[in-house]
Every structure is written in structure tokens, then in C-alpha cells.
Amino acid sequence: MRSTVNQSSNALFTKLTTGAILLVLMTLVGATCTKEDSTAKANLGKNTFAANTKASPEATKQKGARAADDTIRAFDTVDLAGLQASEKEAFIAIVNDEVCPCACAATFAQCLQENAGCEPARLLGNWLKEALRDGFPPEQLGEVIAKEVAGFSSVPKTIETEGFARKGDVSAPMTMVEFADFQCPHCKELSETMERLEKKHSGKLSVVYKHFPLSFHPVAELAAHASEAAAIQGKFWDMHDAIFKTQDILDETMLSGHAKAIGLDMAKFEKDRNTNTIKEKVKLSRSEGVDLGIEATPALFINGRPFHLLRDIPTIEMRMAMEGYRGKAACEKK
């Protein structure tokens, strides 16, 4: 959960005010590129979490009034020691206002009691505690927890993965689908994270890359075409890595240079990347993303359900652990 930075960054952090430190932390994690932000390439600091899809009806539905004397203030499975008074109050408010991640009849707060037997609630509750302790704004956390609970408990979407680049065994029990834009810096960061995760959980996880080029990134669609042309020659990931490494200076000429550098048949590459087949494949990938409610990149789906939290390895692994308990929580059987 807690970010690590290099020594020069640590030296800089010591000179910053508390407010400035929070702003830098928000910039370092979870920002997105939005499809309508034509004035800036990234929403740094604005979207701290993976708020990349539209809120579902479940996330925005009225949860109903709660009487003050019904508030649960102590939790068997989450130790609030170490939180400041205001952070404790924020935690209490969020979990009492939210439903259980398992979509049972109980509240999130009720499922944080030992007798509930709800591991997904325990995992998400402890993540929320750490996020509050790390200084994330309670208002934003309340919104993102609501979206994550709704996403986790939602009916999984069928996402087209046939013919798209994959790392890992297709029969792995967990599949993560990343919708990305080759000129989005946060997509580059997530792709690196996905590579480490797939290697760490080899045999248990597969990762699929899908295209969602944004209109204000002038080379993103061309880069997607180039990557699919490379895929025809079995070198999608070589092209993927080369594009992301030169993301800041990318142009159409450089795409051809990458193709030559990774050893592609250049005549075939130039022909393939301009075919209607590849252009339509990229277009349909983006259209599917729109239908899934994607509004920014990167967007991540885990076994067909959207992920809305920090896109770091510990948080994604926490969600993976939640998936492992799906259908097994005692609260679901009551």
C-alpha cells in the first residue's frame, strides 16, 4: 500500500508541507488519462484511484436512512488502532453506509464482525483502514469503495479476448483484461505492473491487452495498428514494449523503426497495419470498452468485473484474494 520512492524523492519529500506530500502521493498512484480531457494528457492528482468506468446503478443507488443508534463503531476483523480520531470516524461512516461486498443482506460494517465469516469484507476493510492512514481523502474513499463494492458484486461481463495478446495460460483461474492507450503514461505503468503480477502468479493468472486509444493522443490509434501488425508476425509484446519505452517521443516514423528493430518483415508489416482487418479490430476493441462504461485509461477488469482501487501490486493482490473467497463467505449463506 505505502509507496516507495528513491533517495532523491525522499529528500524532496522532507521539504514539502503535509498538503504538498498528499498531492504528490495522489500524483504517483492511480491517475488516469480521460477521453474528454483535451487540455491535458493526464488527470494527475484528480483521479487518485482507478475511476475509469461509469458508476453502475448499484454504486449510485440510495442506501436508505440509518438511525444514529444503529451505527457500529467496533469491528472484530479490523483493528482501528493507529488511526487518528477523524480517520476512525471516516472509516465508521463509510462501512456503516455501504453494503457488504458479497452482496448479502448485511452492511459492510456488520460483515466486519467475526461471526459474519466474510473474508472479502475483512480484506477490503483493512485496505480502507490503510488508505485512510496513508492520508487519502475520506470523501473520495467513500466514493471509490462504493464503486469497488458494486463492481465486485456485479454480474461478470463477457469480454472478447479471442485474438488479443495474452500473457499467461488461457486456462488460468484468473484473467485480467487491461484496456489501454499506448500514449497514456498510466497505461505504461499498469502494463509494467501486469507483467510483474503475471510472472509472480504464473499459472494462476493471465493478462490480456485490449485497445482503447483516446482521441487527443494523435499516435495512439496508429500505435495500436502497429502492435496488431506485429502480432501477426508473433511479436506483439516486443512492439508493445518498444512503443511504451518511447512513448514521449512517439511518431509514425518511429513505429516503422521499432518494426525494423524487432526484426519484422517490413513489407508485410507496412501492408498489414494499413488493412481494414486491423483497423476494425482496434475500433471494435474501443467500442467494446465504451459499452463496458470505460471513460478513461487504463481500465482493468478482473474475471469480467471492474476494478476501481489503486493499481499497485498489493492492492490488486488484495482483490485477487477477495476473488478467491467468492461464494464462500458465511454471510452469503445466511
Protein backbone atom coordinates (compact mmCIF):
# COMPACT_ATOMS: atom_id res chain seq x y z
CA MET A 1 0.00 0.00 0.00
CA ARG A 2 2.63 2.54 1.05
CA SER A 3 4.58 3.96 -1.88
CA THR A 4 8.35 3.62 -2.00
CA VAL A 5 10.45 6.27 -3.65
CA ASN A 6 14.10 6.67 -4.47
CA GLN A 7 16.53 8.60 -2.28
CA SER A 8 16.24 11.83 -4.25
CA SER A 9 12.46 11.70 -3.92
CA ASN A 10 12.79 11.15 -0.17
CA ALA A 11 14.98 14.23 0.09
CA LEU A 12 12.36 16.24 -1.76
CA PHE A 13 9.51 14.89 0.39
CA THR A 14 11.15 16.13 3.59
CA LYS A 15 10.92 19.71 2.29
CA LEU A 16 7.24 19.55 1.45
CA THR A 17 4.28 20.52 3.58
CA THR A 18 1.74 17.89 4.57
CA GLY A 19 -0.65 19.15 1.93
CA ALA A 20 2.01 19.04 -0.76
CA ILE A 21 3.00 15.49 0.23
CA LEU A 22 -0.58 14.38 -0.22
CA LEU A 23 -0.72 15.99 -3.65
CA VAL A 24 2.47 14.22 -4.73
CA LEU A 25 1.16 10.90 -3.38
CA MET A 26 -2.06 11.35 -5.32
CA THR A 27 0.00 12.07 -8.43
CA LEU A 28 2.14 8.95 -8.05
CA VAL A 29 -0.68 6.43 -7.88
CA GLY A 30 -3.77 5.59 -9.83
CA ALA A 31 -4.16 8.62 -12.10
CA THR A 32 -5.89 8.17 -15.43
CA CYS A 33 -5.99 9.65 -18.91
CA THR A 34 -9.52 10.76 -19.69
CA LYS A 35 -11.12 10.59 -23.11
CA GLU A 36 -12.54 14.12 -22.92
CA ASP A 37 -9.62 15.97 -21.34
CA SER A 38 -8.15 17.61 -24.43
CA THR A 39 -6.32 20.29 -22.44
CA ALA A 40 -4.03 17.88 -20.61
CA LYS A 41 -2.64 14.43 -21.26
CA ALA A 42 -3.34 13.19 -17.76
CA ASN A 43 -5.60 13.88 -14.85
CA LEU A 44 -2.71 13.77 -12.39
CA GLY A 45 -3.91 14.13 -8.82
CA LYS A 46 -7.54 14.38 -9.85
CA ASN A 47 -8.32 10.68 -10.18
CA THR A 48 -6.26 9.02 -7.47
CA PHE A 49 -7.98 5.69 -7.93
CA ALA A 50 -8.84 3.58 -10.93
CA ALA A 51 -12.02 5.57 -11.51
CA ASN A 52 -12.09 4.51 -15.13
CA THR A 53 -15.65 3.32 -15.67
CA LYS A 54 -19.05 4.88 -15.21
CA ALA A 55 -20.73 4.35 -11.87
CA SER A 56 -23.12 1.41 -12.05
CA PRO A 57 -26.71 1.67 -10.80
CA GLU A 58 -25.65 -0.44 -7.83
CA ALA A 59 -22.94 2.06 -6.90
CA THR A 60 -25.25 5.06 -7.01
CA LYS A 61 -28.44 3.62 -5.60
CA GLN A 62 -29.90 5.12 -2.44
CA LYS A 63 -28.76 3.11 0.54
CA GLY A 64 -31.51 4.37 2.83
CA ALA A 65 -31.53 6.22 6.08
CA ARG A 66 -29.63 4.81 9.04
CA ALA A 67 -30.55 5.62 12.60
CA ALA A 68 -27.71 7.01 14.71
CA ASP A 69 -28.09 4.28 17.35
CA ASP A 70 -27.63 1.59 14.68
CA THR A 71 -24.08 2.71 13.95
CA ILE A 72 -21.48 0.00 14.52
CA ARG A 73 -18.30 1.51 15.98
CA ALA A 74 -16.14 -1.53 16.77
CA PHE A 75 -15.04 -4.25 14.35
CA ASP A 76 -13.69 -7.70 15.14
CA THR A 77 -11.73 -8.10 11.89
CA VAL A 78 -10.26 -4.59 11.52
CA ASP A 79 -8.09 -3.00 14.22
CA LEU A 80 -8.50 0.78 14.02
CA ALA A 81 -5.62 1.42 16.39
CA GLY A 82 -3.18 3.81 14.80
CA LEU A 83 -5.83 5.88 13.06
CA GLN A 84 -6.45 9.45 14.13
CA ALA A 85 -9.88 10.25 15.56
CA SER A 86 -11.06 11.82 12.30
CA GLU A 87 -9.83 8.82 10.31
CA LYS A 88 -11.67 6.42 12.62
CA GLU A 89 -14.87 8.42 12.21
CA ALA A 90 -14.44 8.35 8.43
CA PHE A 91 -13.96 4.57 8.50
CA ILE A 92 -17.04 4.10 10.69
CA ALA A 93 -19.16 6.28 8.41
CA ILE A 94 -18.06 4.57 5.19
CA VAL A 95 -18.57 0.97 6.33
CA ASN A 96 -21.90 1.70 8.01
CA ASP A 97 -23.23 3.42 4.88
CA GLU A 98 -22.05 0.72 2.48
CA VAL A 99 -23.39 -2.76 1.72
CA CYS A 100 -21.33 -5.91 2.12
CA PRO A 101 -19.01 -6.66 -0.83
CA CYS A 102 -20.59 -10.12 -1.07
CA ALA A 103 -24.00 -8.59 -1.83
CA CYS A 104 -25.58 -10.32 1.15
CA ALA A 105 -28.34 -8.67 3.17
CA ALA A 106 -25.90 -7.18 5.71
CA THR A 107 -23.99 -3.91 5.73
CA PHE A 108 -20.25 -3.68 5.25
CA ALA A 109 -19.94 -2.87 8.96
CA GLN A 110 -21.93 -5.94 10.01
CA CYS A 111 -19.75 -8.17 7.84
CA LEU A 112 -16.63 -6.90 9.60
CA GLN A 113 -17.68 -8.85 12.70
CA GLU A 114 -16.14 -12.26 13.36
CA ASN A 115 -19.45 -14.12 13.28
CA ALA A 116 -20.14 -12.89 9.73
CA GLY A 117 -17.35 -15.04 8.32
CA CYS A 118 -16.85 -12.62 5.42
CA GLU A 119 -13.26 -12.63 4.18
CA PRO A 120 -13.91 -10.21 1.28
CA ALA A 121 -15.23 -7.64 3.77
CA ARG A 122 -12.23 -8.18 6.07
CA LEU A 123 -9.77 -7.73 3.20
CA LEU A 124 -11.44 -4.60 1.83
CA GLY A 125 -11.96 -3.18 5.31
CA ASN A 126 -8.28 -3.48 6.15
CA TRP A 127 -7.39 -1.92 2.80
CA LEU A 128 -9.69 1.01 3.61
CA LYS A 129 -8.07 1.46 7.01
CA GLU A 130 -4.61 1.64 5.44
CA ALA A 131 -5.79 4.07 2.77
CA LEU A 132 -7.17 6.41 5.44
CA ARG A 133 -3.93 6.13 7.41
CA ASP A 134 -1.99 6.96 4.25
CA GLY A 135 -3.92 10.22 4.02
CA PHE A 136 -6.37 9.69 1.18
CA PRO A 137 -9.42 11.99 1.38
CA PRO A 138 -12.39 10.26 3.09
CA GLU A 139 -14.88 11.69 0.60
CA GLN A 140 -13.01 10.16 -2.32
CA LEU A 141 -12.53 6.88 -0.47
CA GLY A 142 -16.25 6.66 0.22
CA GLU A 143 -16.99 7.03 -3.49
CA VAL A 144 -14.37 4.55 -4.63
CA ILE A 145 -15.35 1.95 -2.02
CA ALA A 146 -18.95 2.20 -3.25
CA LYS A 147 -17.78 1.59 -6.83
CA GLU A 148 -15.49 -1.26 -5.83
CA VAL A 149 -18.22 -2.98 -3.79
CA ALA A 150 -20.65 -2.62 -6.70
CA GLY A 151 -18.02 -3.89 -9.16
CA PHE A 152 -17.04 -6.87 -7.03
CA SER A 153 -20.64 -7.92 -6.50
CA SER A 154 -21.76 -7.30 -10.08
CA VAL A 155 -22.60 -9.88 -12.72
CA PRO A 156 -19.38 -10.52 -14.69
CA LYS A 157 -19.20 -9.11 -18.20
CA THR A 158 -18.24 -11.27 -21.15
CA ILE A 159 -15.23 -9.51 -22.67
CA GLU A 160 -13.93 -10.55 -26.08
CA THR A 161 -10.37 -11.83 -25.63
CA GLU A 162 -10.07 -14.16 -28.61
CA GLY A 163 -7.31 -12.95 -30.92
CA PHE A 164 -5.91 -10.37 -28.49
CA ALA A 165 -2.45 -10.50 -26.95
CA ARG A 166 -2.24 -12.56 -23.78
CA LYS A 167 0.42 -13.34 -21.20
CA GLY A 168 -0.15 -16.46 -19.16
CA ASP A 169 -2.16 -19.64 -19.62
CA VAL A 170 -5.60 -19.17 -21.15
CA SER A 171 -6.89 -21.77 -18.67
CA ALA A 172 -5.62 -19.84 -15.63
CA PRO A 173 -8.35 -19.38 -12.98
CA MET A 174 -8.00 -15.60 -13.06
CA THR A 175 -7.97 -13.34 -16.12
CA MET A 176 -7.25 -9.63 -16.06
CA VAL A 177 -8.17 -7.56 -19.11
CA GLU A 178 -6.47 -4.20 -19.48
CA PHE A 179 -7.96 -1.59 -21.81
CA ALA A 180 -5.15 0.81 -22.63
CA ASP A 181 -3.83 3.62 -24.82
CA PHE A 182 -0.20 3.49 -25.96
CA GLN A 183 0.29 7.23 -25.29
CA CYS A 184 -1.22 7.16 -21.79
CA PRO A 185 1.59 7.25 -19.18
CA HIS A 186 -0.59 5.46 -16.63
CA CYS A 187 -1.17 2.64 -19.10
CA LYS A 188 2.58 2.24 -19.34
CA GLU A 189 2.78 1.99 -15.54
CA LEU A 190 -0.04 -0.54 -15.35
CA SER A 191 1.43 -2.69 -18.13
CA GLU A 192 4.67 -2.93 -16.13
CA THR A 193 2.64 -3.88 -13.05
CA MET A 194 0.71 -6.50 -15.01
CA GLU A 195 3.93 -8.05 -16.27
CA ARG A 196 5.28 -8.40 -12.72
CA LEU A 197 1.98 -9.80 -11.46
CA GLU A 198 1.73 -12.40 -14.21
CA LYS A 199 5.27 -13.62 -13.53
CA LYS A 200 4.65 -13.69 -9.78
CA HIS A 201 1.40 -15.66 -10.17
CA SER A 202 2.43 -17.83 -13.10
CA GLY A 203 -0.14 -20.50 -13.88
CA LYS A 204 -2.82 -18.75 -11.80
CA LEU A 205 -3.19 -15.55 -13.78
CA SER A 206 -3.40 -14.48 -17.42
CA VAL A 207 -3.32 -10.90 -18.66
CA VAL A 208 -4.99 -9.70 -21.87
CA TYR A 209 -4.21 -6.38 -23.56
CA LYS A 210 -7.03 -4.56 -25.36
CA HIS A 211 -7.04 -1.24 -27.18
CA PHE A 212 -8.77 1.94 -26.08
CA PRO A 213 -6.99 4.74 -28.00
CA LEU A 214 -8.02 8.22 -26.86
CA SER A 215 -8.86 10.88 -29.44
CA PHE A 216 -6.50 13.51 -28.02
CA HIS A 217 -3.49 11.18 -28.31
CA PRO A 218 -2.55 11.62 -32.00
CA VAL A 219 -0.45 8.48 -32.43
CA ALA A 220 -2.34 6.11 -30.09
CA GLU A 221 -4.52 4.54 -32.78
CA LEU A 222 -1.60 4.21 -35.20
CA ALA A 223 0.41 2.55 -32.42
CA ALA A 224 -2.44 0.11 -31.81
CA HIS A 225 -2.46 -0.76 -35.53
CA ALA A 226 1.32 -1.26 -35.46
CA SER A 227 1.11 -3.56 -32.43
CA GLU A 228 -1.51 -5.74 -34.12
CA ALA A 229 0.56 -5.89 -37.31
CA ALA A 230 3.49 -7.06 -35.17
CA ALA A 231 1.18 -9.63 -33.54
CA ILE A 232 0.61 -11.24 -36.94
CA GLN A 233 4.33 -11.97 -37.00
CA GLY A 234 4.31 -13.17 -33.39
CA LYS A 235 5.88 -10.07 -31.88
CA PHE A 236 3.07 -8.10 -30.25
CA TRP A 237 4.81 -7.83 -26.88
CA ASP A 238 8.10 -6.75 -28.47
CA MET A 239 6.28 -3.91 -30.22
CA HIS A 240 4.21 -3.17 -27.09
CA ASP A 241 7.36 -2.74 -25.01
CA ALA A 242 9.16 -0.67 -27.65
CA ILE A 243 6.20 1.71 -28.03
CA PHE A 244 5.82 2.30 -24.31
CA LYS A 245 9.58 2.89 -23.88
CA THR A 246 9.45 5.70 -26.46
CA GLN A 247 6.01 6.95 -25.56
CA ASP A 248 7.03 10.58 -25.03
CA ILE A 249 8.61 10.95 -28.49
CA LEU A 250 6.42 8.58 -30.45
CA ASP A 251 5.50 9.30 -34.07
CA GLU A 252 4.58 7.24 -37.13
CA THR A 253 8.17 7.08 -38.38
CA MET A 254 9.31 5.67 -35.05
CA LEU A 255 6.71 2.90 -35.31
CA SER A 256 8.37 1.74 -38.52
CA GLY A 257 11.74 1.99 -36.80
CA HIS A 258 10.52 -0.24 -33.99
CA ALA A 259 9.24 -2.78 -36.50
CA LYS A 260 12.64 -2.94 -38.15
CA ALA A 261 14.46 -3.11 -34.80
CA ILE A 262 12.44 -6.10 -33.58
CA GLY A 263 13.07 -7.95 -36.82
CA LEU A 264 9.75 -7.79 -38.61
CA ASP A 265 9.28 -8.40 -42.31
CA MET A 266 8.89 -4.70 -43.17
CA ALA A 267 6.89 -5.12 -46.37
CA LYS A 268 4.39 -7.32 -44.58
CA PHE A 269 4.27 -5.02 -41.54
CA GLU A 270 3.55 -1.91 -43.61
CA LYS A 271 0.86 -3.74 -45.55
CA ASP A 272 -0.79 -5.35 -42.51
CA ARG A 273 -1.00 -2.26 -40.33
CA ASN A 274 -3.00 -0.45 -43.01
CA THR A 275 -5.53 -3.21 -43.60
CA ASN A 276 -9.18 -2.79 -42.73
CA THR A 277 -8.97 -6.00 -40.70
CA ILE A 278 -6.57 -4.49 -38.17
CA LYS A 279 -8.24 -1.09 -38.15
CA GLU A 280 -11.62 -2.72 -37.48
CA LYS A 281 -10.13 -4.89 -34.71
CA VAL A 282 -8.85 -1.82 -32.87
CA LYS A 283 -12.10 0.05 -33.48
CA LEU A 284 -14.21 -2.81 -32.12
CA SER A 285 -11.98 -3.12 -29.06
CA ARG A 286 -12.56 0.52 -28.24
CA SER A 287 -16.30 0.23 -28.91
CA GLU A 288 -16.50 -2.69 -26.52
CA GLY A 289 -14.76 -0.56 -23.91
CA VAL A 290 -17.32 2.19 -24.37
CA ASP A 291 -20.11 -0.37 -23.94
CA LEU A 292 -18.45 -1.51 -20.71
CA GLY A 293 -18.62 2.06 -19.41
CA ILE A 294 -14.94 2.93 -19.77
CA GLU A 295 -14.30 6.67 -19.65
CA ALA A 296 -10.54 6.77 -19.01
CA THR A 297 -7.43 4.68 -19.40
CA PRO A 298 -6.21 2.38 -18.15
CA ALA A 299 -9.27 0.33 -17.24
CA LEU A 300 -8.89 -3.06 -15.58
CA PHE A 301 -11.35 -5.94 -15.35
CA ILE A 302 -10.73 -8.97 -13.14
CA ASN A 303 -12.66 -12.07 -14.21
CA GLY A 304 -15.10 -9.83 -16.03
CA ARG A 305 -15.71 -7.40 -13.17
CA PRO A 306 -14.34 -3.84 -12.97
CA PHE A 307 -11.56 -2.89 -10.55
CA HIS A 308 -11.65 0.59 -9.03
CA LEU A 309 -8.87 0.75 -6.42
CA LEU A 310 -5.19 1.64 -6.55
CA ARG A 311 -3.37 -0.05 -9.41
CA ASP A 312 -0.40 -1.22 -7.36
CA ILE A 313 0.59 -4.83 -6.78
CA PRO A 314 -0.51 -5.12 -3.11
CA THR A 315 -3.96 -3.70 -3.85
CA ILE A 316 -4.53 -5.83 -6.95
CA GLU A 317 -3.39 -8.88 -4.99
CA MET A 318 -5.89 -7.95 -2.28
CA ARG A 319 -8.65 -8.00 -4.91
CA MET A 320 -7.32 -11.33 -6.17
CA ALA A 321 -7.62 -12.69 -2.63
CA MET A 322 -11.21 -11.38 -2.48
CA GLU A 323 -11.92 -13.26 -5.71
CA GLY A 324 -10.58 -16.42 -4.08
CA TYR A 325 -13.29 -16.19 -1.42
CA ARG A 326 -16.10 -15.51 -3.87
CA GLY A 327 -19.14 -17.61 -2.99
CA LYS A 328 -17.50 -18.93 0.19
CA ALA A 329 -18.38 -16.21 2.71
CA ALA A 330 -20.63 -17.39 5.55
CA CYS A 331 -22.67 -14.19 5.30
CA GLU A 332 -23.80 -15.19 1.80
CA LYS A 333 -25.33 -18.40 3.12
CA LYS A 334 -27.45 -16.80 5.82
